[in-house]
Amino acid sequence: MKNIIILIVTCFCGLNGYSQQDLDFFLIARNTGEKVLANNDTIRVFGFAQSLGAQPSIPGPTLIMNEGDSVHIDLWNVSQGAPHTLHLHGLDVDQENDGVPHLSFDIAHMDHGYYHFKAPHAGTYLYHCHVASSIHVQAGMYGSIIVKPSDGSNTTWNGGYEYTNENSYFCSEIDTTWHNDSVLEHDHDTTITIHQVSIPKYKPQFFLINGLSDQQLIDENVTFNSVVNQIDYTRLTNIGYCGLRVFFPPALNARIIDSDGRPLPVEEISDTVYLYPGERYGVLTDASMEFSGEITFDYIDLNTMGVKNTQVVPVSISGDVDLEEFEKELFNFKVVPNPFHQEAKIKFKLNEAKKIKIRIIDVNGRILRDIPFSKYLSGKNSVIIGESLLLKGTYVVQMISEEGYVVIKKIIKL
């Protein structure tokens, strides 16, 4: 979560009891930026910078606020040529502050534009220039807006899911032929017909996650790092012109919980998320085992529905570091018989009554059986597993406490 610009000017106590803020953000629209690609080529980009001496980043600075905050954005346009705006994509703001030219206002060279709104529902949103938007978005004029709950906590929304860590993956593409002066240098045309005849066919060669691609994604700010049973919240955003198919490793136990800044009526348990241009999704994960893998991002041509490119984000899940007491308590945890043919029994002893969940997982991390949390009494307990559908092979049985501790046994089916 880099390039965050927040200046707190004043605070006041809201009716909900939380301290809500007056936030001032300052962005500079630039058309003189440079971007180094994965092949080490450098292309010209437009974008948003934090100061006159700074390069505009791709994506732009992330704007973070709490629900209910009074937000003020000062956009200073120092670029030549066409004006710019800041469209607040997905945010429920009034038309004057929405950043769509002709409906609100645009900002000419060396002018300032001011956007004022009260931060709406907690969620994932984005901003981008809406002047000749097909060109200016491709040029790099976009960034994230994250609205946190009223109290700023690690909760998906007010009264939502709590989580420990947050990841954000902002996806886009680059067609280098669109970054030549013949495309980028244009006069402002309210009908935009000039762009319809002058821009080349879109054929992206680079597919970005947080502005990086290919070997650049081996980066500590991109890698998905977690521990067993830690709840992580991942924000997915697509502002490219391709569709996206995002595949999470099964052992992460992904749950899709929100879309475009609003909770889903019913969470969807799925390891695959589809995003079309402009969409955002929120995914909760709860790693069930220690492993290394990758989240894959397939970029889909929306004309042919074929996969144009695949990018990967490394995943590293380490073991829970607080297992000692739980392991001591379940020192008698065993599966008998092991190996087994049709039926086996999980036996364990508790020092005190405790809620425990039991999972059976294959060697690829896929959950084959998930017995939900049940309260087991102190003393000896047993659970029968009659896994007639399991093929011959090696599997893992996990016992997970309500506190998040895990102990593991390997089992073999003959």
Protein backbone atom coordinates (compact mmCIF):
# COMPACT_ATOMS: atom_id res chain seq x y z
CA MET A 1 0.00 0.00 0.00
CA LYS A 2 2.45 2.66 -1.18
CA ASN A 3 2.08 6.29 -2.21
CA ILE A 4 -0.56 7.17 0.35
CA ILE A 5 -1.24 10.88 0.76
CA ILE A 6 -3.18 11.87 3.86
CA LEU A 7 -3.13 15.25 5.59
CA ILE A 8 -5.42 15.51 8.60
CA VAL A 9 -6.56 19.08 9.03
CA THR A 10 -9.27 18.92 11.68
CA CYS A 11 -11.22 16.28 13.56
CA PHE A 12 -14.70 16.14 14.97
CA CYS A 13 -16.66 13.53 16.85
CA GLY A 14 -19.45 12.01 14.76
CA LEU A 15 -22.82 10.89 16.00
CA ASN A 16 -21.72 7.26 15.77
CA GLY A 17 -19.11 7.85 18.47
CA TYR A 18 -16.10 7.58 16.17
CA SER A 19 -13.66 10.40 15.56
CA GLN A 20 -14.25 11.44 11.96
CA GLN A 21 -11.74 13.51 10.08
CA ASP A 22 -11.38 16.35 7.64
CA LEU A 23 -8.90 14.97 5.08
CA ASP A 24 -7.03 16.98 2.44
CA PHE A 25 -5.41 15.15 -0.49
CA PHE A 26 -3.16 16.87 -3.01
CA LEU A 27 -2.48 15.35 -6.45
CA ILE A 28 -0.60 16.72 -9.44
CA ALA A 29 -1.64 15.66 -12.96
CA ARG A 30 1.49 15.13 -15.08
CA ASN A 31 2.04 14.16 -18.74
CA THR A 32 5.84 13.92 -18.57
CA GLY A 33 6.30 10.66 -16.68
CA GLU A 34 8.37 7.61 -17.56
CA LYS A 35 7.70 3.95 -16.87
CA VAL A 36 10.32 1.15 -16.92
CA LEU A 37 8.80 -2.08 -18.23
CA ALA A 38 9.71 -5.67 -17.41
CA ASN A 39 11.98 -5.83 -20.49
CA ASN A 40 13.81 -2.66 -19.27
CA ASP A 41 12.33 -0.48 -22.02
CA THR A 42 11.15 2.96 -20.93
CA ILE A 43 7.90 4.46 -22.18
CA ARG A 44 6.20 7.81 -21.70
CA VAL A 45 3.24 7.89 -19.31
CA PHE A 46 0.73 10.30 -17.84
CA GLY A 47 -0.13 10.03 -14.18
CA PHE A 48 -0.58 11.54 -10.73
CA ALA A 49 2.38 12.66 -8.63
CA GLN A 50 2.87 13.90 -5.09
CA SER A 51 5.17 16.80 -5.94
CA LEU A 52 6.54 18.64 -8.97
CA GLY A 53 9.86 16.82 -8.70
CA ALA A 54 8.34 13.32 -8.43
CA GLN A 55 7.62 10.87 -11.19
CA PRO A 56 3.94 9.93 -11.50
CA SER A 57 3.51 6.39 -10.23
CA ILE A 58 1.59 3.60 -11.98
CA PRO A 59 -0.91 3.17 -10.40
CA GLY A 60 -1.21 6.54 -8.71
CA PRO A 61 -1.17 7.24 -4.97
CA THR A 62 -3.65 5.24 -2.91
CA LEU A 63 -6.13 7.47 -1.11
CA ILE A 64 -7.22 5.97 2.23
CA MET A 65 -10.07 7.33 4.34
CA ASN A 66 -12.63 6.19 6.89
CA GLU A 67 -16.35 5.99 6.27
CA GLY A 68 -17.90 9.31 7.24
CA ASP A 69 -14.75 11.40 6.76
CA SER A 70 -15.09 14.76 5.01
CA VAL A 71 -12.69 14.51 2.06
CA HIS A 72 -11.23 17.33 -0.02
CA ILE A 73 -9.04 16.63 -3.08
CA ASP A 74 -7.02 19.36 -4.77
CA LEU A 75 -6.00 18.30 -8.30
CA TRP A 76 -3.45 20.60 -9.90
CA ASN A 77 -3.03 20.10 -13.64
CA VAL A 78 0.51 20.98 -14.75
CA SER A 79 0.34 19.01 -18.01
CA GLN A 80 0.02 20.57 -21.46
CA GLY A 81 -2.63 19.69 -24.03
CA ALA A 82 -5.98 18.26 -22.99
CA PRO A 83 -7.45 19.04 -19.57
CA HIS A 84 -7.89 16.36 -16.89
CA THR A 85 -10.41 15.34 -14.25
CA LEU A 86 -10.60 12.98 -11.31
CA HIS A 87 -13.52 10.60 -11.76
CA LEU A 88 -14.36 8.91 -8.43
CA HIS A 89 -15.30 5.54 -9.87
CA GLY A 90 -17.90 3.71 -7.78
CA LEU A 91 -18.13 6.29 -4.99
CA ASP A 92 -21.60 7.61 -4.16
CA VAL A 93 -20.92 11.33 -4.57
CA ASP A 94 -22.96 14.14 -6.09
CA GLN A 95 -22.66 14.86 -9.81
CA GLU A 96 -20.64 18.06 -9.32
CA ASN A 97 -17.85 16.09 -7.62
CA ASP A 98 -17.98 12.97 -9.79
CA GLY A 99 -15.27 14.09 -12.21
CA VAL A 100 -17.12 13.39 -15.47
CA PRO A 101 -16.49 16.39 -17.79
CA HIS A 102 -19.56 18.25 -19.10
CA LEU A 103 -21.51 16.96 -16.08
CA SER A 104 -19.17 18.45 -13.47
CA PHE A 105 -16.01 20.26 -14.64
CA ASP A 106 -12.60 19.67 -16.17
CA ILE A 107 -9.29 21.24 -15.20
CA ALA A 108 -7.19 23.14 -17.73
CA HIS A 109 -3.42 23.52 -17.77
CA MET A 110 -2.07 25.10 -14.54
CA ASP A 111 -5.56 25.25 -13.00
CA HIS A 112 -6.70 23.61 -9.76
CA GLY A 113 -9.85 21.54 -9.41
CA TYR A 114 -11.41 20.77 -6.04
CA TYR A 115 -13.50 17.72 -5.17
CA HIS A 116 -15.44 17.56 -1.90
CA PHE A 117 -17.43 14.60 -0.55
CA LYS A 118 -18.27 12.62 2.55
CA ALA A 119 -16.62 9.17 2.37
CA PRO A 120 -19.42 6.68 1.69
CA HIS A 121 -19.68 2.99 2.53
CA ALA A 122 -16.43 1.19 3.38
CA GLY A 123 -15.07 -0.63 0.34
CA THR A 124 -12.65 -0.64 -2.59
CA TYR A 125 -13.00 2.07 -5.23
CA LEU A 126 -10.78 3.78 -7.81
CA TYR A 127 -10.16 7.10 -9.49
CA HIS A 128 -9.10 7.97 -13.02
CA CYS A 129 -9.08 10.81 -15.52
CA HIS A 130 -12.33 10.92 -17.51
CA VAL A 131 -11.14 13.19 -20.32
CA ALA A 132 -10.50 11.09 -23.45
CA SER A 133 -10.58 8.32 -20.87
CA SER A 134 -9.58 5.45 -23.16
CA ILE A 135 -6.27 7.23 -23.82
CA HIS A 136 -5.66 8.82 -20.44
CA VAL A 137 -6.38 5.63 -18.47
CA GLN A 138 -4.04 3.68 -20.75
CA ALA A 139 -1.49 6.45 -20.27
CA GLY A 140 -1.51 5.76 -16.53
CA MET A 141 -3.96 8.20 -14.94
CA TYR A 142 -5.58 5.96 -12.33
CA GLY A 143 -5.27 4.89 -8.69
CA SER A 144 -7.06 3.26 -5.74
CA ILE A 145 -9.44 4.67 -3.18
CA ILE A 146 -9.90 2.61 -0.02
CA VAL A 147 -12.65 3.48 2.43
CA LYS A 148 -12.13 1.82 5.81
CA PRO A 149 -14.85 1.37 8.46
CA SER A 150 -15.76 4.36 10.61
CA ASP A 151 -13.25 3.39 13.31
CA GLY A 152 -10.42 2.66 10.82
CA SER A 153 -10.12 -0.92 12.08
CA ASN A 154 -9.07 -4.01 10.13
CA THR A 155 -12.69 -4.87 9.44
CA THR A 156 -14.17 -5.21 5.96
CA TRP A 157 -16.96 -2.74 6.79
CA ASN A 158 -18.86 -1.58 9.84
CA GLY A 159 -19.98 -4.79 11.52
CA GLY A 160 -18.18 -6.88 8.88
CA TYR A 161 -15.42 -9.48 8.98
CA GLU A 162 -12.28 -8.88 11.01
CA TYR A 163 -8.92 -9.65 9.41
CA THR A 164 -5.24 -9.52 10.30
CA ASN A 165 -3.55 -8.43 7.09
CA GLU A 166 -4.60 -6.71 3.87
CA ASN A 167 -3.37 -7.13 0.29
CA SER A 168 -4.29 -5.05 -2.74
CA TYR A 169 -3.81 -6.11 -6.39
CA PHE A 170 -4.56 -3.42 -8.99
CA CYS A 171 -4.54 -4.86 -12.52
CA SER A 172 -4.08 -3.13 -15.87
CA GLU A 173 -2.27 -3.53 -19.21
CA ILE A 174 0.04 -1.52 -21.45
CA ASP A 175 0.12 -1.28 -25.24
CA THR A 176 3.39 0.55 -25.92
CA THR A 177 2.12 1.89 -29.28
CA TRP A 178 -0.44 3.94 -27.34
CA HIS A 179 2.41 5.66 -25.48
CA ASN A 180 3.83 7.43 -28.51
CA ASP A 181 3.43 11.18 -28.88
CA SER A 182 1.16 10.69 -31.92
CA VAL A 183 -1.46 9.18 -29.59
CA LEU A 184 -0.77 10.98 -26.31
CA GLU A 185 -0.39 14.49 -27.73
CA HIS A 186 -3.86 15.64 -28.73
CA ASP A 187 -6.04 18.71 -28.45
CA HIS A 188 -9.14 18.55 -26.33
CA ASP A 189 -12.07 17.41 -28.47
CA THR A 190 -15.49 17.32 -26.83
CA THR A 191 -16.82 14.88 -29.43
CA ILE A 192 -13.73 12.58 -29.11
CA THR A 193 -14.18 11.62 -32.81
CA ILE A 194 -10.52 12.45 -33.48
CA HIS A 195 -9.43 9.67 -31.13
CA GLN A 196 -11.70 7.14 -32.77
CA VAL A 197 -9.79 7.46 -36.06
CA SER A 198 -6.27 8.16 -34.81
CA ILE A 199 -5.53 5.58 -32.12
CA PRO A 200 -4.17 2.18 -33.20
CA LYS A 201 -5.85 -1.13 -32.48
CA TYR A 202 -5.31 -2.12 -28.86
CA LYS A 203 -2.74 -4.92 -28.57
CA PRO A 204 -1.24 -4.92 -25.06
CA GLN A 205 2.21 -6.44 -24.62
CA PHE A 206 2.56 -5.94 -20.85
CA PHE A 207 0.10 -7.07 -18.20
CA LEU A 208 0.45 -5.33 -14.85
CA ILE A 209 -0.30 -6.04 -11.21
CA ASN A 210 0.34 -2.96 -9.06
CA GLY A 211 2.25 -1.53 -12.02
CA LEU A 212 4.60 -4.53 -12.29
CA SER A 213 4.75 -7.62 -14.49
CA ASP A 214 6.67 -10.87 -15.00
CA GLN A 215 9.90 -11.01 -12.96
CA GLN A 216 9.10 -7.63 -11.36
CA LEU A 217 6.35 -9.36 -9.35
CA ILE A 218 8.97 -11.09 -7.19
CA ASP A 219 8.74 -8.14 -4.85
CA GLU A 220 8.10 -8.02 -1.10
CA ASN A 221 5.37 -5.43 -1.65
CA VAL A 222 3.49 -7.80 -3.98
CA THR A 223 4.08 -11.30 -2.59
CA PHE A 224 1.21 -12.82 -0.62
CA ASN A 225 2.71 -13.74 2.77
CA SER A 226 0.67 -15.21 5.59
CA VAL A 227 0.57 -17.90 8.28
CA VAL A 228 -1.70 -20.88 8.81
CA ASN A 229 -5.20 -19.85 9.94
CA GLN A 230 -4.56 -16.12 9.61
CA ILE A 231 -7.49 -14.23 8.09
CA ASP A 232 -6.31 -12.05 5.19
CA TYR A 233 -8.35 -9.62 3.12
CA THR A 234 -7.44 -9.17 -0.54
CA ARG A 235 -8.74 -6.26 -2.62
CA LEU A 236 -8.85 -6.94 -6.39
CA THR A 237 -9.25 -4.09 -8.89
CA ASN A 238 -9.30 -4.20 -12.70
CA ILE A 239 -8.95 -1.01 -14.74
CA GLY A 240 -7.53 -2.67 -17.85
CA TYR A 241 -9.42 -3.39 -21.05
CA CYS A 242 -9.10 -7.17 -20.62
CA GLY A 243 -11.20 -9.33 -18.36
CA LEU A 244 -9.48 -11.06 -15.46
CA ARG A 245 -9.71 -14.55 -14.03
CA VAL A 246 -7.94 -14.70 -10.66
CA PHE A 247 -7.25 -18.17 -9.24
CA PHE A 248 -6.37 -18.62 -5.56
CA PRO A 249 -4.64 -21.83 -4.36
CA PRO A 250 -7.32 -24.12 -2.83
CA ALA A 251 -5.46 -24.26 0.51
CA LEU A 252 -6.16 -20.53 0.97
CA ASN A 253 -9.91 -21.33 1.30
CA ALA A 254 -10.96 -18.18 -0.57
CA ARG A 255 -14.36 -16.59 0.08
CA ILE A 256 -15.66 -13.78 -2.14
CA ILE A 257 -17.44 -11.37 0.22
CA ASP A 258 -17.93 -8.04 -1.56
CA SER A 259 -18.20 -6.47 -4.98
CA ASP A 260 -17.79 -2.86 -6.10
CA GLY A 261 -17.79 -1.48 -2.56
CA ARG A 262 -20.79 -3.41 -1.24
CA PRO A 263 -21.10 -6.73 0.66
CA LEU A 264 -22.49 -9.64 -1.33
CA PRO A 265 -25.88 -10.86 -0.02
CA VAL A 266 -24.31 -14.31 0.43
CA GLU A 267 -20.56 -14.92 0.45
CA GLU A 268 -19.32 -17.24 -2.31
CA ILE A 269 -16.85 -19.98 -1.47
CA SER A 270 -14.74 -20.10 -4.62
CA ASP A 271 -11.07 -20.13 -5.55
CA THR A 272 -11.80 -18.25 -8.80
CA VAL A 273 -12.81 -14.59 -9.20
CA TYR A 274 -13.78 -12.96 -12.51
CA LEU A 275 -13.35 -9.19 -12.89
CA TYR A 276 -14.40 -7.09 -15.85
CA PRO A 277 -13.03 -3.58 -16.54
CA GLY A 278 -13.76 -1.22 -13.67
CA GLU A 279 -14.83 -3.95 -11.23
CA ARG A 280 -13.52 -4.54 -7.71
CA TYR A 281 -13.90 -7.58 -5.47
CA GLY A 282 -12.97 -8.38 -1.89
CA VAL A 283 -11.76 -11.86 -0.94
CA LEU A 284 -11.11 -13.35 2.49
CA THR A 285 -8.59 -16.18 2.82
CA ASP A 286 -7.76 -18.51 5.68
CA ALA A 287 -4.75 -20.70 4.85
CA SER A 288 -5.28 -24.28 6.04
CA MET A 289 -1.72 -25.53 5.68
CA GLU A 290 1.89 -24.45 5.30
CA PHE A 291 2.84 -24.24 1.62
CA SER A 292 4.38 -22.18 -1.17
CA GLY A 293 2.44 -21.50 -4.35
CA GLU A 294 1.04 -18.69 -6.46
CA ILE A 295 -2.07 -16.69 -7.25
CA THR A 296 -2.58 -16.66 -11.02
CA PHE A 297 -4.07 -13.77 -12.99
CA ASP A 298 -5.37 -14.69 -16.46
CA TYR A 299 -5.92 -11.68 -18.74
CA ILE A 300 -8.81 -12.49 -21.09
CA ASP A 301 -9.53 -10.96 -24.50
CA LEU A 302 -13.19 -9.93 -24.19
CA ASN A 303 -13.71 -10.31 -27.94
CA THR A 304 -12.45 -13.88 -28.28
CA MET A 305 -12.59 -14.88 -24.58
CA GLY A 306 -9.13 -16.38 -25.03
CA VAL A 307 -6.35 -15.94 -22.47
CA LYS A 308 -3.87 -13.34 -23.72
CA ASN A 309 -1.43 -13.58 -20.81
CA THR A 310 -0.98 -15.01 -17.32
CA GLN A 311 0.80 -13.29 -14.44
CA VAL A 312 1.57 -14.87 -11.06
CA VAL A 313 1.90 -13.51 -7.54
CA PRO A 314 4.04 -15.71 -5.25
CA VAL A 315 2.32 -17.14 -2.15
CA SER A 316 4.19 -18.14 0.99
CA ILE A 317 2.28 -19.59 3.96
CA SER A 318 4.28 -20.37 7.09
CA GLY A 319 3.24 -22.51 10.05
CA ASP A 320 1.48 -21.12 13.08
CA VAL A 321 4.08 -20.05 15.65
CA ASP A 322 1.77 -20.48 18.65
CA LEU A 323 1.14 -24.23 18.44
CA GLU A 324 2.99 -25.46 21.50
CA GLU A 325 0.16 -25.39 24.04
CA PHE A 326 -2.43 -26.73 21.61
CA GLU A 327 -0.12 -29.55 20.54
CA LYS A 328 0.48 -30.45 24.18
CA GLU A 329 -3.25 -30.57 24.77
CA LEU A 330 -3.81 -32.88 21.80
CA PHE A 331 -0.77 -35.07 22.34
CA ASN A 332 -3.06 -38.12 22.03
CA PHE A 333 -4.47 -36.99 18.65
CA LYS A 334 -4.23 -39.98 16.33
CA VAL A 335 -5.99 -41.68 13.45
CA VAL A 336 -6.63 -45.41 13.70
CA PRO A 337 -6.14 -47.49 11.76
CA ASN A 338 -3.53 -45.70 9.69
CA PRO A 339 -3.12 -46.76 6.90
CA PHE A 340 -6.86 -47.48 6.49
CA HIS A 341 -9.06 -49.01 3.82
CA GLN A 342 -12.62 -47.69 4.15
CA GLU A 343 -13.08 -46.19 7.57
CA ALA A 344 -10.87 -44.62 10.23
CA LYS A 345 -11.40 -42.96 13.58
CA ILE A 346 -9.86 -39.70 14.79
CA LYS A 347 -9.15 -39.96 18.52
CA PHE A 348 -8.14 -37.06 20.72
CA LYS A 349 -8.17 -35.95 24.35
CA LEU A 350 -8.94 -32.45 25.64
CA ASN A 351 -7.99 -30.94 28.96
CA GLU A 352 -11.10 -28.76 28.79
CA ALA A 353 -14.15 -28.39 26.55
CA LYS A 354 -13.19 -26.68 23.28
CA LYS A 355 -14.59 -25.92 19.84
CA ILE A 356 -12.62 -27.71 17.11
CA LYS A 357 -12.90 -27.94 13.33
CA ILE A 358 -11.58 -30.95 11.37
CA ARG A 359 -10.40 -30.92 7.76
CA ILE A 360 -9.16 -33.55 5.34
CA ILE A 361 -6.85 -32.18 2.63
CA ASP A 362 -5.07 -33.77 -0.33
CA VAL A 363 -1.37 -33.24 -1.08
CA ASN A 364 -2.24 -30.34 -3.44
CA GLY A 365 -3.95 -28.42 -0.66
CA ARG A 366 -7.54 -29.08 -1.82
CA ILE A 367 -10.05 -29.41 1.02
CA LEU A 368 -11.91 -32.69 0.57
CA ARG A 369 -13.92 -32.62 3.78
CA ASP A 370 -14.54 -29.74 6.15
CA ILE A 371 -16.25 -30.65 9.43
CA PRO A 372 -17.40 -27.32 10.92
CA PHE A 373 -16.59 -26.17 14.44
CA SER A 374 -18.23 -28.34 17.11
CA LYS A 375 -17.81 -28.20 20.87
CA TYR A 376 -16.09 -31.32 22.23
CA LEU A 377 -16.09 -32.10 25.96
CA SER A 378 -13.02 -32.50 28.11
CA GLY A 379 -11.61 -36.00 28.13
CA LYS A 380 -11.59 -38.55 25.32
CA ASN A 381 -13.32 -37.81 22.00
CA SER A 382 -13.53 -39.50 18.61
CA VAL A 383 -14.79 -38.72 15.12
CA ILE A 384 -15.34 -41.34 12.39
CA ILE A 385 -14.16 -40.57 8.89
CA GLY A 386 -15.61 -42.93 6.29
CA GLU A 387 -13.98 -41.53 3.18
CA SER A 388 -15.24 -44.00 0.59
CA LEU A 389 -14.70 -41.45 -2.20
CA LEU A 390 -10.99 -40.98 -1.49
CA LEU A 391 -8.62 -42.62 -3.93
CA LYS A 392 -5.61 -44.52 -2.69
CA GLY A 393 -2.94 -42.12 -1.53
CA THR A 394 -1.68 -39.83 1.22
CA TYR A 395 -3.83 -37.15 2.85
CA VAL A 396 -3.65 -34.72 5.76
CA VAL A 397 -6.01 -34.45 8.72
CA GLN A 398 -6.05 -31.06 10.42
CA MET A 399 -7.53 -30.25 13.81
CA ILE A 400 -8.13 -26.51 14.18
CA SER A 401 -9.04 -24.83 17.45
CA GLU A 402 -11.37 -21.86 17.73
CA GLU A 403 -8.30 -19.77 18.59
CA GLY A 404 -6.74 -20.68 15.24
CA TYR A 405 -4.18 -23.28 16.36
CA VAL A 406 -3.60 -26.29 14.10
CA VAL A 407 -2.18 -29.77 14.53
CA ILE A 408 -1.67 -32.09 11.58
CA LYS A 409 -1.50 -35.84 10.98
CA LYS A 410 -0.77 -37.60 7.72
CA ILE A 411 -3.05 -40.49 6.81
CA ILE A 412 -2.76 -43.11 4.10
CA LYS A 413 -5.63 -44.83 2.28
CA LEU A 414 -4.85 -48.23 0.83
